Amino acid sequence: MNNINWVVSDPYVFQTLQTVIGKAVVVQTERGSVRGTLKQVVPDHIVVESGGNSFYIRTQQIIWVVPNPQLVPE
């Protein structure tokens, strides 16, 4: 029961996201974007904390990620 084998669908995204845990990110998904702090990265999802809420985002739903975003007026 404790032998769980994870299959990472996109290992480069997984490895890259692990390097920005604890930092601010913007994550674009098929349903919209989430801006907050990246709290956790596991093979099938990430956790972004924003406004006191935790957003669990499936890795397969991520379109792009901006680590350390800067607010710049356009």
N, C-alpha and C. Protein backbone atom coordinates (compact mmCIF):
# COMPACT_ATOMS: atom_id res chain seq x y z
N MET A 1 0.82 -1.20 0.00
CA MET A 1 0.00 0.00 0.00
C MET A 1 0.86 1.26 0.00
N ASN A 2 2.04 1.20 0.62
CA ASN A 2 2.91 2.37 0.70
C ASN A 2 3.82 2.52 -0.50
N ASN A 3 3.79 1.58 -1.42
CA ASN A 3 4.64 1.65 -2.60
C ASN A 3 3.91 2.39 -3.71
N ILE A 4 4.08 3.70 -3.74
CA ILE A 4 3.44 4.53 -4.75
C ILE A 4 4.49 4.93 -5.78
N ASN A 5 4.23 4.65 -7.03
CA ASN A 5 5.14 5.03 -8.11
C ASN A 5 4.53 6.19 -8.87
N TRP A 6 5.17 7.36 -8.79
CA TRP A 6 4.69 8.54 -9.48
C TRP A 6 5.25 8.57 -10.89
N VAL A 7 4.44 9.01 -11.82
CA VAL A 7 4.88 9.24 -13.19
C VAL A 7 4.73 10.73 -13.45
N VAL A 8 5.84 11.39 -13.72
CA VAL A 8 5.83 12.83 -13.96
C VAL A 8 5.61 13.05 -15.45
N SER A 9 4.48 13.70 -15.79
CA SER A 9 4.14 13.88 -17.20
C SER A 9 5.04 14.90 -17.89
N ASP A 10 5.54 15.88 -17.15
CA ASP A 10 6.43 16.89 -17.73
C ASP A 10 7.57 17.16 -16.74
N PRO A 11 8.61 16.33 -16.78
CA PRO A 11 9.65 16.42 -15.76
C PRO A 11 10.40 17.75 -15.74
N TYR A 12 10.52 18.43 -16.88
CA TYR A 12 11.24 19.71 -16.90
C TYR A 12 10.45 20.79 -16.17
N VAL A 13 9.15 20.80 -16.34
CA VAL A 13 8.30 21.76 -15.60
C VAL A 13 8.38 21.44 -14.11
N PHE A 14 8.28 20.18 -13.76
CA PHE A 14 8.35 19.75 -12.37
C PHE A 14 9.66 20.21 -11.73
N GLN A 15 10.79 19.95 -12.38
CA GLN A 15 12.09 20.33 -11.84
C GLN A 15 12.25 21.84 -11.73
N THR A 16 11.79 22.56 -12.74
CA THR A 16 11.90 24.02 -12.73
C THR A 16 11.06 24.62 -11.62
N LEU A 17 9.83 24.14 -11.44
CA LEU A 17 8.97 24.66 -10.39
C LEU A 17 9.54 24.40 -9.00
N GLN A 18 10.23 23.31 -8.82
CA GLN A 18 10.83 23.02 -7.52
C GLN A 18 11.87 24.08 -7.13
N THR A 19 12.47 24.75 -8.11
CA THR A 19 13.49 25.76 -7.81
C THR A 19 12.89 27.08 -7.33
N VAL A 20 11.58 27.27 -7.48
CA VAL A 20 10.95 28.54 -7.07
C VAL A 20 9.94 28.35 -5.93
N ILE A 21 10.02 27.24 -5.23
CA ILE A 21 9.15 27.05 -4.06
C ILE A 21 9.43 28.15 -3.04
N GLY A 22 8.37 28.76 -2.52
CA GLY A 22 8.50 29.83 -1.54
C GLY A 22 8.56 31.21 -2.16
N LYS A 23 8.56 31.29 -3.48
CA LYS A 23 8.64 32.58 -4.17
C LYS A 23 7.30 32.93 -4.82
N ALA A 24 7.16 34.20 -5.17
CA ALA A 24 5.96 34.67 -5.85
C ALA A 24 5.92 34.13 -7.27
N VAL A 25 4.72 33.74 -7.72
CA VAL A 25 4.54 33.23 -9.08
C VAL A 25 3.19 33.70 -9.61
N VAL A 26 3.10 33.70 -10.92
CA VAL A 26 1.81 33.81 -11.60
C VAL A 26 1.70 32.55 -12.44
N VAL A 27 0.58 31.83 -12.29
CA VAL A 27 0.37 30.59 -13.02
C VAL A 27 -0.86 30.76 -13.91
N GLN A 28 -0.68 30.56 -15.20
CA GLN A 28 -1.79 30.62 -16.15
C GLN A 28 -2.29 29.20 -16.38
N THR A 29 -3.60 29.00 -16.20
CA THR A 29 -4.21 27.71 -16.45
C THR A 29 -5.25 27.86 -17.55
N GLU A 30 -5.87 26.76 -17.90
CA GLU A 30 -6.93 26.80 -18.90
C GLU A 30 -8.13 27.60 -18.42
N ARG A 31 -8.26 27.77 -17.12
CA ARG A 31 -9.40 28.47 -16.53
C ARG A 31 -9.10 29.89 -16.08
N GLY A 32 -7.86 30.34 -16.19
CA GLY A 32 -7.49 31.67 -15.74
C GLY A 32 -6.14 31.64 -15.06
N SER A 33 -5.79 32.74 -14.39
CA SER A 33 -4.48 32.80 -13.76
C SER A 33 -4.62 32.93 -12.24
N VAL A 34 -3.56 32.50 -11.56
CA VAL A 34 -3.48 32.60 -10.10
C VAL A 34 -2.15 33.25 -9.77
N ARG A 35 -2.19 34.27 -8.91
CA ARG A 35 -0.98 34.97 -8.47
C ARG A 35 -0.85 34.74 -6.98
N GLY A 36 0.33 34.28 -6.56
CA GLY A 36 0.55 34.04 -5.13
C GLY A 36 1.92 33.45 -4.89
N THR A 37 2.06 32.76 -3.77
CA THR A 37 3.31 32.14 -3.39
C THR A 37 3.25 30.64 -3.66
N LEU A 38 4.25 30.13 -4.34
CA LEU A 38 4.30 28.69 -4.63
C LEU A 38 4.71 27.98 -3.34
N LYS A 39 3.82 27.17 -2.80
CA LYS A 39 4.05 26.50 -1.52
C LYS A 39 4.54 25.07 -1.67
N GLN A 40 4.06 24.37 -2.70
CA GLN A 40 4.41 22.96 -2.83
C GLN A 40 4.37 22.54 -4.29
N VAL A 41 5.27 21.60 -4.64
CA VAL A 41 5.31 21.02 -5.98
C VAL A 41 5.39 19.51 -5.82
N VAL A 42 4.42 18.80 -6.36
CA VAL A 42 4.43 17.33 -6.37
C VAL A 42 4.20 16.90 -7.81
N PRO A 43 4.41 15.63 -8.14
CA PRO A 43 4.37 15.22 -9.54
C PRO A 43 3.08 15.56 -10.30
N ASP A 44 1.94 15.59 -9.62
CA ASP A 44 0.69 15.81 -10.37
C ASP A 44 0.03 17.16 -10.14
N HIS A 45 0.52 17.95 -9.16
CA HIS A 45 -0.08 19.27 -8.92
C HIS A 45 0.89 20.18 -8.18
N ILE A 46 0.52 21.46 -8.16
CA ILE A 46 1.24 22.44 -7.36
C ILE A 46 0.25 23.12 -6.43
N VAL A 47 0.77 23.76 -5.38
CA VAL A 47 -0.08 24.50 -4.45
C VAL A 47 0.41 25.94 -4.45
N VAL A 48 -0.49 26.87 -4.78
CA VAL A 48 -0.19 28.29 -4.76
C VAL A 48 -1.08 28.93 -3.71
N GLU A 49 -0.47 29.66 -2.77
CA GLU A 49 -1.22 30.35 -1.73
C GLU A 49 -1.44 31.79 -2.14
N SER A 50 -2.70 32.21 -2.10
CA SER A 50 -3.04 33.57 -2.49
C SER A 50 -4.21 34.05 -1.64
N GLY A 51 -4.02 35.19 -0.99
CA GLY A 51 -5.10 35.77 -0.18
C GLY A 51 -5.57 34.87 0.94
N GLY A 52 -4.67 34.08 1.50
CA GLY A 52 -5.04 33.18 2.59
C GLY A 52 -5.68 31.88 2.13
N ASN A 53 -5.79 31.68 0.84
CA ASN A 53 -6.36 30.46 0.28
C ASN A 53 -5.29 29.65 -0.44
N SER A 54 -5.44 28.33 -0.42
CA SER A 54 -4.53 27.45 -1.14
C SER A 54 -5.21 26.98 -2.42
N PHE A 55 -4.54 27.19 -3.55
CA PHE A 55 -5.05 26.74 -4.84
C PHE A 55 -4.24 25.52 -5.26
N TYR A 56 -4.93 24.42 -5.48
CA TYR A 56 -4.29 23.19 -5.93
C TYR A 56 -4.48 23.11 -7.44
N ILE A 57 -3.40 23.21 -8.18
CA ILE A 57 -3.46 23.30 -9.65
C ILE A 57 -2.81 22.06 -10.24
N ARG A 58 -3.56 21.33 -11.05
CA ARG A 58 -3.00 20.16 -11.71
C ARG A 58 -1.90 20.59 -12.68
N THR A 59 -0.79 19.89 -12.65
CA THR A 59 0.35 20.23 -13.50
C THR A 59 -0.04 20.21 -14.98
N GLN A 60 -0.89 19.28 -15.37
CA GLN A 60 -1.31 19.17 -16.78
C GLN A 60 -2.15 20.37 -17.23
N GLN A 61 -2.69 21.15 -16.29
CA GLN A 61 -3.52 22.31 -16.64
C GLN A 61 -2.71 23.59 -16.77
N ILE A 62 -1.42 23.55 -16.43
CA ILE A 62 -0.58 24.76 -16.47
C ILE A 62 -0.19 25.07 -17.91
N ILE A 63 -0.42 26.33 -18.31
CA ILE A 63 -0.02 26.79 -19.64
C ILE A 63 1.33 27.48 -19.55
N TRP A 64 1.49 28.40 -18.58
CA TRP A 64 2.78 29.04 -18.35
C TRP A 64 2.87 29.49 -16.90
N VAL A 65 4.12 29.75 -16.46
CA VAL A 65 4.40 30.23 -15.11
C VAL A 65 5.40 31.37 -15.20
N VAL A 66 5.14 32.44 -14.45
CA VAL A 66 6.11 33.54 -14.34
C VAL A 66 6.60 33.56 -12.90
N PRO A 67 7.87 33.16 -12.66
CA PRO A 67 8.41 33.26 -11.31
C PRO A 67 8.85 34.70 -11.02
N ASN A 68 8.68 35.12 -9.78
CA ASN A 68 9.08 36.46 -9.34
C ASN A 68 8.53 37.56 -10.24
N PRO A 69 7.21 37.61 -10.43
CA PRO A 69 6.63 38.61 -11.33
C PRO A 69 6.79 40.03 -10.77
N GLN A 70 7.00 40.95 -11.66
CA GLN A 70 7.11 42.36 -11.30
C GLN A 70 5.88 43.08 -11.84
N LEU A 71 5.31 43.94 -11.01
CA LEU A 71 4.17 44.73 -11.48
C LEU A 71 4.70 45.96 -12.21
N VAL A 72 4.52 45.96 -13.52
CA VAL A 72 5.01 47.06 -14.34
C VAL A 72 3.82 47.61 -15.12
N PRO A 73 3.53 48.92 -14.99
CA PRO A 73 2.42 49.48 -15.76
C PRO A 73 2.70 49.42 -17.26
N GLU A 74 1.69 49.07 -18.01
CA GLU A 74 1.85 48.97 -19.46
C GLU A 74 1.58 50.28 -20.14
